[in-house]
């Protein structure tokens, strides 16, 4: 009996809520009888001991049922719900904190269902002494709490006028030539062009602060998602032989295909990414040490240095690389590397509502927290040596994250918007 993970996740979710139909119940029973591991996992998920310990809380599930279902399905699919013997994680150390997550193949599926059922859980794994553990922490606000980031951005028009997009009302915001700038009901910014054959293009800039993100539809229909502390400068009308935008920080693009006008992303004059119709992510945060371009769909040409400008293409052609889906180009001042099997889930975590901490050290995680929670991080003493795996919900308040750190003995204190990480030698 081969069950789609999405369907299995929905059955378990509905079972916990008491809304499972008779037909679904019959199918669930068949799945449970398929192999002993299925029955054991089911009992662990809905067992009285788990409920008594407060691991199963459904009081907020209705508000985010669709999101919950997708994330549960993702967790079960990653675990290989129907192939326990094939799990690459079966050799890992047992989970000690949550007793019903012992078995290698089922632990991630169980964690997905239990921890994600409320949509307000911090969940990740960490390794520091050769063992792997799972954290369970609910999102309970504290007096000194800091809320997560959200849809915040500033639009700067050609005349210098600034519009605070998160507080602007939906509808038409401004008009520049033939372009009407509109904020849609779902918060996206878009441009309505009356006549693309006439009119003069002027430059606009969208900037997200730390703790901000925003979605933009460019005049040609290309969709752009800006991460925190990022910016994009673009014309209100694409004219000429190419469509060119300039970014800082991190952005994800879904480019509208137009073979007559290649789409070019310039990163602070250091890098150019050229595409026709494709999906890709560019991470150019200065504190990351390298510019990363990751391709999801289509094909892009990545050219280091000042490539992408009309008079520089011949000198940069030898340095350019063409990426295939799943590849990532990493550019530093000294070299260009191509990673053939990029971790797409990690790259796209920010757009999908997560903070990725896959194989990340504490300092690397703190960089992401600084951007998303708009805080400053300071260290006292030696930084604890710890490696994290997994991801955290970007909708969780800072207090939830800090309680998770405390479970691993990582001491922190919050003074205003400064987070102090206290080393073991202090």
Protein backbone atom coordinates (compact mmCIF):
# COMPACT_ATOMS: atom_id res chain seq x y z
CA UNK A 1 0.00 0.00 0.00
CA UNK A 2 1.83 3.07 -1.29
CA UNK A 3 0.42 6.25 0.28
CA UNK A 4 1.22 9.76 -0.83
CA UNK A 5 2.91 11.56 2.11
CA UNK A 6 0.55 14.53 1.70
CA UNK A 7 -2.46 12.26 2.12
CA UNK A 8 -0.91 10.46 5.08
CA UNK A 9 -0.12 13.75 6.78
CA UNK A 10 -3.70 14.92 6.24
CA UNK A 11 -5.11 11.73 7.75
CA UNK A 12 -3.01 12.04 10.90
CA UNK A 13 -3.83 15.72 11.21
CA UNK A 14 -7.56 15.07 10.86
CA UNK A 15 -7.40 12.10 13.23
CA UNK A 16 -5.96 14.33 15.95
CA UNK A 17 -8.74 16.85 15.32
CA UNK A 18 -11.50 14.21 15.24
CA UNK A 19 -12.55 15.03 11.68
CA UNK A 20 -11.41 11.85 9.91
CA UNK A 21 -14.12 10.32 7.70
CA UNK A 22 -15.03 6.62 7.81
CA UNK A 23 -13.40 5.95 4.44
CA UNK A 24 -10.22 7.74 5.51
CA UNK A 25 -10.21 5.82 8.77
CA UNK A 26 -10.37 2.51 6.87
CA UNK A 27 -7.43 3.55 4.70
CA UNK A 28 -5.45 4.71 7.72
CA UNK A 29 -6.05 1.36 9.41
CA UNK A 30 -4.78 -0.44 6.33
CA UNK A 31 -1.61 1.65 6.39
CA UNK A 32 -1.09 0.92 10.09
CA UNK A 33 -1.31 -2.84 9.42
CA UNK A 34 1.11 -2.70 6.51
CA UNK A 35 4.18 -3.02 8.74
CA UNK A 36 4.88 -2.91 12.50
CA UNK A 37 6.77 0.39 12.22
CA UNK A 38 3.66 2.14 10.92
CA UNK A 39 1.57 0.98 13.87
CA UNK A 40 4.27 1.98 16.34
CA UNK A 41 4.62 5.44 14.84
CA UNK A 42 0.88 5.99 14.92
CA UNK A 43 0.63 4.96 18.57
CA UNK A 44 3.51 7.22 19.51
CA UNK A 45 1.90 10.18 17.77
CA UNK A 46 -1.49 9.91 19.40
CA UNK A 47 -0.55 8.15 22.65
CA UNK A 48 -1.84 9.41 25.98
CA UNK A 49 1.66 9.97 27.34
CA UNK A 50 2.51 12.29 24.46
CA UNK A 51 -0.68 14.23 24.97
CA UNK A 52 -0.15 14.45 28.74
CA UNK A 53 3.32 15.85 28.16
CA UNK A 54 1.81 18.59 26.05
CA UNK A 55 3.52 17.53 22.86
CA UNK A 56 0.29 17.52 20.86
CA UNK A 57 -1.48 20.87 20.80
CA UNK A 58 -4.03 21.62 18.15
CA UNK A 59 -5.52 24.84 19.54
CA UNK A 60 -4.04 27.02 16.79
CA UNK A 61 -4.10 24.54 13.94
CA UNK A 62 -7.26 25.82 12.26
CA UNK A 63 -5.67 29.19 11.52
CA UNK A 64 -2.90 27.65 9.46
CA UNK A 65 -4.22 24.28 8.36
CA UNK A 66 -3.02 24.54 4.78
CA UNK A 67 0.45 25.57 5.85
CA UNK A 68 0.53 22.85 8.50
CA UNK A 69 -0.45 20.18 5.99
CA UNK A 70 2.26 21.21 3.53
CA UNK A 71 4.97 21.23 6.18
CA UNK A 72 3.88 17.90 7.67
CA UNK A 73 3.92 16.34 4.22
CA UNK A 74 7.39 17.75 3.59
CA UNK A 75 8.69 16.23 6.81
CA UNK A 76 7.19 12.82 6.11
CA UNK A 77 8.41 12.81 2.52
CA UNK A 78 11.93 13.68 3.65
CA UNK A 79 11.83 10.76 6.07
CA UNK A 80 10.70 8.30 3.42
CA UNK A 81 7.44 7.37 5.13
CA UNK A 82 6.94 4.19 3.13
CA UNK A 83 10.59 3.09 3.01
CA UNK A 84 11.93 2.77 6.56
CA UNK A 85 14.84 0.55 5.63
CA UNK A 86 16.22 3.09 3.15
CA UNK A 87 16.62 5.96 5.57
CA UNK A 88 20.05 7.59 5.49
CA UNK A 89 19.59 8.59 9.11
CA UNK A 90 19.11 5.15 10.62
CA UNK A 91 22.67 5.17 11.95
CA UNK A 92 22.26 8.35 13.96
CA UNK A 93 22.29 8.48 17.73
CA UNK A 94 18.89 8.04 19.41
CA UNK A 95 16.89 11.05 20.39
CA UNK A 96 16.94 11.36 24.16
CA UNK A 97 14.69 14.32 24.87
CA UNK A 98 11.55 13.12 23.11
CA UNK A 99 11.20 9.44 23.89
CA UNK A 100 8.86 8.56 21.03
CA UNK A 101 11.37 9.71 18.40
CA UNK A 102 13.80 6.82 18.85
CA UNK A 103 13.60 4.99 15.56
CA UNK A 104 15.82 6.27 12.77
CA UNK A 105 13.35 6.43 9.90
CA UNK A 106 10.32 7.54 11.87
CA UNK A 107 11.84 10.21 14.07
CA UNK A 108 11.64 12.97 11.46
CA UNK A 109 8.12 12.04 10.40
CA UNK A 110 7.05 12.02 14.03
CA UNK A 111 8.73 15.32 14.69
CA UNK A 112 7.05 16.83 11.65
CA UNK A 113 3.58 15.81 12.79
CA UNK A 114 4.02 16.57 16.47
CA UNK A 115 6.07 19.72 16.31
CA UNK A 116 4.39 21.33 13.33
CA UNK A 117 0.80 20.61 14.27
CA UNK A 118 0.37 23.98 15.97
CA UNK A 119 2.41 26.04 13.53
CA UNK A 120 4.12 27.82 16.44
CA UNK A 121 6.96 25.43 17.24
CA UNK A 122 10.69 25.89 17.11
CA UNK A 123 12.20 22.66 15.83
CA UNK A 124 15.75 21.86 14.97
CA UNK A 125 18.51 19.39 15.66
CA UNK A 126 21.96 20.24 16.97
CA UNK A 127 25.21 18.40 17.39
CA UNK A 128 27.95 19.41 19.77
CA UNK A 129 29.40 16.28 21.36
CA UNK A 130 28.71 13.66 18.72
CA UNK A 131 25.09 13.10 19.69
CA UNK A 132 22.02 14.44 17.98
CA UNK A 133 19.04 15.80 19.87
CA UNK A 134 15.65 17.25 19.12
CA UNK A 135 14.21 20.39 20.69
CA UNK A 136 10.56 21.08 21.40
CA UNK A 137 9.66 24.63 22.37
CA UNK A 138 6.33 26.40 22.14
CA UNK A 139 5.96 30.01 21.09
CA UNK A 140 5.08 31.73 24.35
CA UNK A 141 5.69 35.50 24.39
CA UNK A 142 7.78 36.99 27.16
CA UNK A 143 7.91 40.58 28.51
CA UNK A 144 11.24 41.21 26.76
CA UNK A 145 10.24 39.39 23.60
CA UNK A 146 10.98 40.60 20.07
CA UNK A 147 8.52 39.80 17.33
CA UNK A 148 9.73 38.23 14.08
CA UNK A 149 10.06 40.19 10.88
CA UNK A 150 7.30 40.64 8.34
CA UNK A 151 6.25 42.35 5.11
CA UNK A 152 8.13 45.63 5.42
CA UNK A 153 9.75 47.71 2.71
CA UNK A 154 10.33 51.25 1.49
CA UNK A 155 9.74 52.27 -2.13
CA UNK A 156 11.83 55.22 -3.29
CA UNK A 157 10.59 56.92 -6.45
CA UNK A 158 12.69 58.69 -9.06
CA UNK A 159 12.00 62.11 -7.51
CA UNK A 160 13.20 60.95 -4.09
CA UNK A 161 9.74 60.41 -2.60
CA UNK A 162 9.66 57.50 -0.14
CA UNK A 163 6.61 55.32 0.46
CA UNK A 164 6.45 53.05 3.51
CA UNK A 165 4.82 50.01 1.95
CA UNK A 166 3.85 48.13 5.12
CA UNK A 167 1.64 51.00 6.28
CA UNK A 168 0.44 52.18 2.84
CA UNK A 169 -3.17 51.39 1.93
CA UNK A 170 -3.94 48.93 -0.82
CA UNK A 171 -4.56 50.35 -4.27
CA UNK A 172 -2.78 52.91 -6.45
CA UNK A 173 0.18 54.50 -4.68
CA UNK A 174 1.72 56.72 -7.36
CA UNK A 175 2.02 57.28 -11.09
CA UNK A 176 5.24 57.77 -13.01
CA UNK A 177 4.81 58.36 -16.72
CA UNK A 178 2.81 55.47 -18.15
CA UNK A 179 3.31 53.33 -15.05
CA UNK A 180 0.80 53.12 -12.23
CA UNK A 181 2.27 51.69 -9.01
CA UNK A 182 -0.22 49.51 -7.13
CA UNK A 183 -0.19 47.70 -3.79
CA UNK A 184 -2.38 44.62 -4.14
CA UNK A 185 -4.68 43.14 -1.51
CA UNK A 186 -2.10 40.47 -0.66
CA UNK A 187 0.58 43.10 -0.09
CA UNK A 188 2.52 42.68 -3.33
CA UNK A 189 3.77 45.71 -5.26
CA UNK A 190 3.09 45.73 -9.00
CA UNK A 191 3.21 48.07 -12.01
CA UNK A 192 0.37 48.62 -14.47
CA UNK A 193 1.77 49.86 -17.78
CA UNK A 194 -0.72 51.64 -20.04
CA UNK A 195 1.38 51.83 -23.23
CA UNK A 196 4.83 50.24 -23.24
CA UNK A 197 5.61 51.76 -26.65
CA UNK A 198 5.57 55.29 -25.30
CA UNK A 199 6.83 57.02 -22.23
CA UNK A 200 10.15 57.38 -20.51
CA UNK A 201 11.53 54.92 -17.98
CA UNK A 202 12.65 56.21 -14.58
CA UNK A 203 14.33 54.31 -11.77
CA UNK A 204 12.64 53.08 -8.60
CA UNK A 205 14.25 51.34 -5.62
CA UNK A 206 12.64 48.97 -3.15
CA UNK A 207 14.52 48.46 0.12
CA UNK A 208 13.72 46.03 2.91
CA UNK A 209 15.02 46.85 6.39
CA UNK A 210 16.35 44.29 8.80
CA UNK A 211 13.28 42.36 9.89
CA UNK A 212 11.59 42.96 6.54
CA UNK A 213 10.72 41.11 3.35
CA UNK A 214 8.60 41.97 0.34
CA UNK A 215 7.30 40.69 -2.98
CA UNK A 216 7.44 42.74 -6.15
CA UNK A 217 6.12 42.27 -9.67
CA UNK A 218 8.35 44.18 -12.08
CA UNK A 219 6.87 46.02 -15.08
CA UNK A 220 7.62 43.05 -17.39
CA UNK A 221 5.84 40.56 -15.11
CA UNK A 222 8.99 39.16 -13.48
CA UNK A 223 8.36 38.33 -9.81
CA UNK A 224 10.93 39.18 -7.17
CA UNK A 225 11.04 38.31 -3.48
CA UNK A 226 13.40 40.43 -1.35
CA UNK A 227 14.85 39.03 1.85
CA UNK A 228 15.65 41.19 4.88
CA UNK A 229 18.24 43.99 4.55
CA UNK A 230 18.12 43.92 0.76
CA UNK A 231 17.32 46.23 -2.13
CA UNK A 232 16.50 46.22 -5.83
CA UNK A 233 16.77 49.14 -8.26
CA UNK A 234 14.83 48.84 -11.52
CA UNK A 235 13.20 50.94 -14.26
CA UNK A 236 9.48 51.60 -14.42
CA UNK A 237 9.61 50.44 -18.03
CA UNK A 238 12.09 48.06 -19.66
CA UNK A 239 13.39 49.52 -22.93
CA UNK A 240 16.30 48.67 -25.18
CA UNK A 241 17.92 45.28 -25.76
CA UNK A 242 18.00 44.08 -22.15
CA UNK A 243 16.18 44.22 -18.84
CA UNK A 244 18.60 45.17 -16.11
CA UNK A 245 18.12 45.46 -12.33
CA UNK A 246 20.63 46.00 -9.52
CA UNK A 247 20.36 44.28 -6.13
CA UNK A 248 22.00 44.14 -2.74
CA UNK A 249 21.41 41.49 -0.10
CA UNK A 250 19.29 38.51 -1.18
CA UNK A 251 16.55 38.11 -3.76
CA UNK A 252 14.69 35.30 -5.51
CA UNK A 253 13.59 35.78 -9.12
CA UNK A 254 10.98 34.17 -11.31
CA UNK A 255 11.82 35.80 -14.63
CA UNK A 256 9.21 36.44 -17.31
CA UNK A 257 10.51 34.89 -20.53
CA UNK A 258 11.31 37.32 -23.34
CA UNK A 259 14.01 36.21 -25.77
CA UNK A 260 14.20 39.70 -27.24
CA UNK A 261 15.28 41.16 -23.90
CA UNK A 262 17.59 39.06 -21.70
CA UNK A 263 17.09 39.69 -17.99
CA UNK A 264 20.25 40.75 -16.16
CA UNK A 265 20.75 41.01 -12.40
CA UNK A 266 23.77 43.08 -11.40
CA UNK A 267 25.09 42.64 -7.86
CA UNK A 268 26.77 45.85 -6.75
CA UNK A 269 28.97 45.83 -9.84
CA UNK A 270 30.63 42.60 -8.69
CA UNK A 271 28.54 40.02 -10.50
CA UNK A 272 25.97 39.70 -13.28
CA UNK A 273 23.38 36.97 -13.72
CA UNK A 274 21.82 36.78 -17.17
CA UNK A 275 18.63 34.84 -17.87
CA UNK A 276 15.73 34.61 -20.29
CA UNK A 277 12.98 32.86 -18.36
CA UNK A 278 14.08 31.07 -15.24
CA UNK A 279 13.93 30.80 -11.44
CA UNK A 280 17.02 31.57 -9.38
CA UNK A 281 18.20 32.95 -6.04
CA UNK A 282 21.04 35.42 -5.46
CA UNK A 283 22.59 35.86 -2.00
CA UNK A 284 25.05 38.75 -1.87
CA UNK A 285 25.12 39.72 1.81
CA UNK A 286 28.45 41.37 2.51
CA UNK A 287 29.03 39.43 5.74
CA UNK A 288 28.65 36.08 3.95
CA UNK A 289 32.03 36.48 2.24
CA UNK A 290 30.82 35.28 -1.17
CA UNK A 291 28.01 35.83 -3.66
CA UNK A 292 25.89 32.73 -4.23
CA UNK A 293 23.68 32.25 -7.28
CA UNK A 294 21.50 29.14 -7.17
CA UNK A 295 19.48 27.95 -10.15
CA UNK A 296 16.13 26.21 -9.69
CA UNK A 297 14.75 26.28 -13.23
CA UNK A 298 15.99 27.14 -16.70
CA UNK A 299 19.50 28.39 -17.39
CA UNK A 300 21.55 31.41 -16.32
CA UNK A 301 24.95 32.82 -17.15
CA UNK A 302 26.93 34.00 -14.13
CA UNK A 303 29.73 36.47 -14.81
CA UNK A 304 32.00 37.79 -12.01
CA UNK A 305 33.44 41.29 -11.53
CA UNK A 306 31.92 44.03 -13.70
CA UNK A 307 30.34 41.67 -16.22
CA UNK A 308 26.88 42.39 -17.50
CA UNK A 309 27.62 45.98 -18.44
CA UNK A 310 27.51 46.57 -22.22
CA UNK A 311 31.20 47.41 -22.62
CA UNK A 312 32.50 44.62 -20.37
CA UNK A 313 31.08 41.45 -21.90
CA UNK A 314 34.08 40.61 -24.09
CA UNK A 315 36.56 40.89 -21.23
CA UNK A 316 34.42 38.77 -18.90
CA UNK A 317 33.31 36.05 -21.32
CA UNK A 318 36.11 33.70 -20.34
CA UNK A 319 35.16 33.93 -16.68
CA UNK A 320 31.43 33.35 -17.13
CA UNK A 321 29.76 30.03 -16.32
CA UNK A 322 26.36 28.71 -17.37
CA UNK A 323 24.43 27.00 -14.59
CA UNK A 324 22.07 24.07 -14.84
CA UNK A 325 19.15 23.50 -12.43
CA UNK A 326 20.44 22.40 -9.02
CA UNK A 327 23.82 24.11 -9.44
CA UNK A 328 25.16 27.02 -7.42
CA UNK A 329 27.88 29.49 -8.39
CA UNK A 330 29.93 30.92 -5.53
CA UNK A 331 31.94 34.01 -6.34
CA UNK A 332 34.64 35.53 -4.15
CA UNK A 333 37.15 38.26 -5.07
CA UNK A 334 39.62 35.50 -5.97
CA UNK A 335 37.66 32.63 -7.46
CA UNK A 336 34.50 31.27 -9.02
CA UNK A 337 33.25 27.88 -7.81
CA UNK A 338 30.36 25.81 -9.12
CA UNK A 339 28.56 23.47 -6.70
CA UNK A 340 26.83 20.75 -8.70
CA UNK A 341 24.41 19.51 -6.02
CA UNK A 342 23.25 22.60 -4.16
CA UNK A 343 20.94 22.27 -1.15
CA UNK A 344 17.87 23.89 -2.69
CA UNK A 345 15.80 23.53 0.49
CA UNK A 346 18.41 25.43 2.44
CA UNK A 347 18.71 28.15 -0.19
CA UNK A 348 14.96 28.65 -0.44
CA UNK A 349 14.19 28.34 3.28
CA UNK A 350 13.91 32.12 3.75
CA UNK A 351 11.32 32.47 0.97
CA UNK A 352 9.35 29.50 2.30
CA UNK A 353 9.11 30.95 5.81
CA UNK A 354 12.08 29.35 7.56
CA UNK A 355 15.49 30.20 8.90
CA UNK A 356 17.82 27.55 7.55
CA UNK A 357 20.45 26.31 9.99
CA UNK A 358 21.58 23.25 8.10
CA UNK A 359 25.16 22.41 9.11
CA UNK A 360 25.53 25.91 10.52
CA UNK A 361 27.61 27.10 13.43
CA UNK A 362 26.31 29.44 16.11
CA UNK A 363 27.84 32.56 14.57
CA UNK A 364 26.26 31.77 11.20
CA UNK A 365 22.84 31.28 12.79
CA UNK A 366 23.21 34.55 14.66
CA UNK A 367 23.77 36.45 11.40
CA UNK A 368 20.36 35.30 10.21
CA UNK A 369 18.74 36.20 13.52
CA UNK A 370 20.25 39.69 13.34
CA UNK A 371 18.65 40.30 9.95
CA UNK A 372 15.26 38.77 10.67
CA UNK A 373 14.68 40.04 14.21
CA UNK A 374 16.49 43.37 13.67
CA UNK A 375 18.85 42.84 16.59
CA UNK A 376 22.55 43.19 17.30
CA UNK A 377 24.45 40.17 18.58
CA UNK A 378 27.40 40.53 20.94
CA UNK A 379 29.57 37.81 22.41
CA UNK A 380 31.03 37.59 25.89
CA UNK A 381 33.78 35.04 26.17
CA UNK A 382 34.36 32.10 23.87
CA UNK A 383 31.61 31.29 21.38
CA UNK A 384 30.18 27.82 22.13
CA UNK A 385 31.10 25.20 19.53
CA UNK A 386 27.82 23.75 18.28
CA UNK A 387 26.55 22.59 14.89
CA UNK A 388 22.88 22.94 14.01
CA UNK A 389 20.79 21.00 11.54
CA UNK A 390 17.30 21.67 10.30
CA UNK A 391 15.29 24.87 10.18
CA UNK A 392 13.30 27.27 12.35
CA UNK A 393 9.95 28.85 11.61
CA UNK A 394 10.43 32.54 10.77
CA UNK A 395 7.08 33.22 12.43
CA UNK A 396 8.40 32.33 15.89
CA UNK A 397 9.24 35.12 18.32
CA UNK A 398 12.81 35.57 19.50
CA UNK A 399 11.99 34.20 22.93
CA UNK A 400 11.13 30.83 21.44
CA UNK A 401 14.49 30.67 19.70
CA UNK A 402 16.36 31.64 22.86
CA UNK A 403 14.63 28.99 24.92
CA UNK A 404 15.74 26.46 22.33
CA UNK A 405 19.32 27.63 22.69
CA UNK A 406 19.04 27.33 26.45
CA UNK A 407 18.17 23.65 26.09
CA UNK A 408 21.66 23.14 24.67
CA UNK A 409 23.34 25.14 27.40
CA UNK A 410 23.80 28.20 25.22
CA UNK A 411 23.37 31.14 27.57
CA UNK A 412 21.95 34.40 26.26
CA UNK A 413 20.44 37.58 27.62
CA UNK A 414 18.54 40.31 25.84
CA UNK A 415 19.25 43.98 26.57
CA UNK A 416 16.92 46.07 24.44
CA UNK A 417 17.62 44.93 20.88
CA UNK A 418 21.07 43.59 21.73
CA UNK A 419 21.35 39.85 22.19
CA UNK A 420 24.36 38.85 24.27
CA UNK A 421 25.68 35.31 23.87
CA UNK A 422 27.55 34.32 27.01
CA UNK A 423 30.43 31.90 26.54
CA UNK A 424 31.12 28.99 28.87
CA UNK A 425 34.16 30.82 30.26
CA UNK A 426 31.95 33.66 31.60
